Protein backbone atom coordinates (compact mmCIF):
# COMPACT_ATOMS: atom_id res chain seq x y z
CA UNK A 1 142.54 111.10 -101.08
CA UNK A 2 140.50 107.94 -102.90
CA UNK A 3 142.15 105.03 -103.69
CA UNK A 4 141.70 103.34 -107.32
CA UNK A 5 140.92 99.79 -107.01
CA UNK A 6 143.89 97.99 -108.47
CA UNK A 7 145.60 95.90 -111.10
CA UNK A 8 146.32 93.09 -109.53
CA UNK A 9 144.24 90.56 -107.17
CA UNK A 10 144.88 88.75 -103.10
CA UNK A 11 142.70 86.22 -102.08
CA UNK A 12 143.86 85.66 -98.25
CA UNK A 13 141.56 82.39 -96.81
CA UNK A 14 141.68 81.50 -93.15
CA UNK A 15 140.31 79.38 -91.59
CA UNK A 16 138.71 78.53 -94.13
CA UNK A 17 135.67 80.87 -91.84
CA UNK A 18 136.85 84.27 -92.91
CA UNK A 19 137.92 85.63 -96.43
CA UNK A 20 139.35 88.64 -97.57
CA UNK A 21 139.97 89.56 -101.03
CA UNK A 22 141.55 93.04 -103.46
CA UNK A 23 140.63 94.23 -106.46
CA UNK A 24 137.12 93.39 -105.98
CA UNK A 25 135.09 96.03 -108.35
CA UNK A 26 131.64 94.95 -107.69
CA UNK A 27 129.11 92.47 -106.08
CA UNK A 28 126.81 91.46 -108.51
CA UNK A 29 125.13 88.56 -106.12
CA UNK A 30 124.96 87.49 -102.50
CA UNK A 31 123.65 85.44 -100.33
CA UNK A 32 124.34 83.25 -97.62
CA UNK A 33 125.48 80.20 -99.15
CA UNK A 34 127.14 81.81 -102.99
CA UNK A 35 128.69 85.41 -103.62
CA UNK A 36 129.19 86.78 -107.25
CA UNK A 37 132.15 89.24 -107.41
CA UNK A 38 133.23 90.88 -110.49
CA UNK A 39 136.74 91.01 -110.14
CA UNK A 40 139.84 92.80 -112.25
CA UNK A 41 140.59 89.19 -113.25
CA UNK A 42 136.80 88.24 -114.17
CA UNK A 43 133.65 86.86 -112.35
CA UNK A 44 134.59 84.74 -108.95
CA UNK A 45 132.22 83.01 -107.30
CA UNK A 46 132.46 81.74 -103.49
CA UNK A 47 130.45 79.31 -102.18
CA UNK A 48 130.06 78.26 -98.32
CA UNK A 49 126.98 78.16 -95.96
CA UNK A 50 126.67 80.92 -93.23
CA UNK A 51 128.18 83.89 -95.61
CA UNK A 52 128.10 87.52 -94.67
CA UNK A 53 130.23 90.41 -96.50
CA UNK A 54 131.01 92.29 -93.62
CA UNK A 55 132.74 95.21 -94.94
CA UNK A 56 133.31 96.06 -99.04
CA UNK A 57 135.26 98.99 -100.26
CA UNK A 58 134.43 99.98 -102.86
CA UNK A 59 137.15 102.82 -103.45
CA UNK A 60 140.40 100.21 -102.76
CA UNK A 61 138.34 97.20 -104.07
CA UNK A 62 139.10 95.65 -100.21
CA UNK A 63 136.28 92.99 -99.38
CA UNK A 64 135.86 91.07 -96.63
CA UNK A 65 133.20 88.01 -95.83
CA UNK A 66 133.06 85.64 -93.30
CA UNK A 67 130.83 82.35 -92.82
CA UNK A 68 131.77 78.22 -94.38
CA UNK A 69 133.65 78.28 -97.42
CA UNK A 70 133.46 75.76 -99.69
CA UNK A 71 135.10 76.67 -103.24
CA UNK A 72 136.96 79.82 -104.58
CA UNK A 73 136.24 79.46 -108.28
CA UNK A 74 136.60 81.94 -111.19
CA UNK A 75 134.05 81.11 -113.62
CA UNK A 76 134.65 82.02 -117.63
CA UNK A 77 131.96 84.95 -119.44
CA UNK A 78 129.40 83.67 -121.22
CA UNK A 79 129.93 86.20 -124.53
CA UNK A 80 125.63 86.69 -125.95
CA UNK A 81 124.12 85.82 -122.98
CA UNK A 82 120.97 83.11 -123.05
CA UNK A 83 119.77 83.79 -127.28
CA UNK A 84 123.75 83.41 -128.39
CA UNK A 85 123.32 79.75 -126.83
CA UNK A 86 119.76 78.99 -127.93
CA UNK A 87 120.10 79.98 -131.90
CA UNK A 88 123.39 79.06 -132.55
C-alpha cells in the first residue's frame, strides 16, 4: 500500500544535530550548508554546516537529516519571479 504525504507537518530538531521532518513534498536543493524543501506548508530552508540528508521517503514525506543545524525558516513564495520584480 502506497503512503501519501500528510497535510500537516512536524519538525523535530534533536540537539541541533539531527532533523526529522514530516510533510515534505520535494527536496529543491541541498548542499552541506543549505537544504531547501517544498513542504505542505510552503518552502522551508534549513541552514547549517555539514548537513546531510540521511533518508527521504517520497511516499510518506518523511525526511531525516544530520549535521549542525543553525536555522529552520519558512520563506515566502516569490510570485512572478525575476522579471516581475524588474518591471514593476
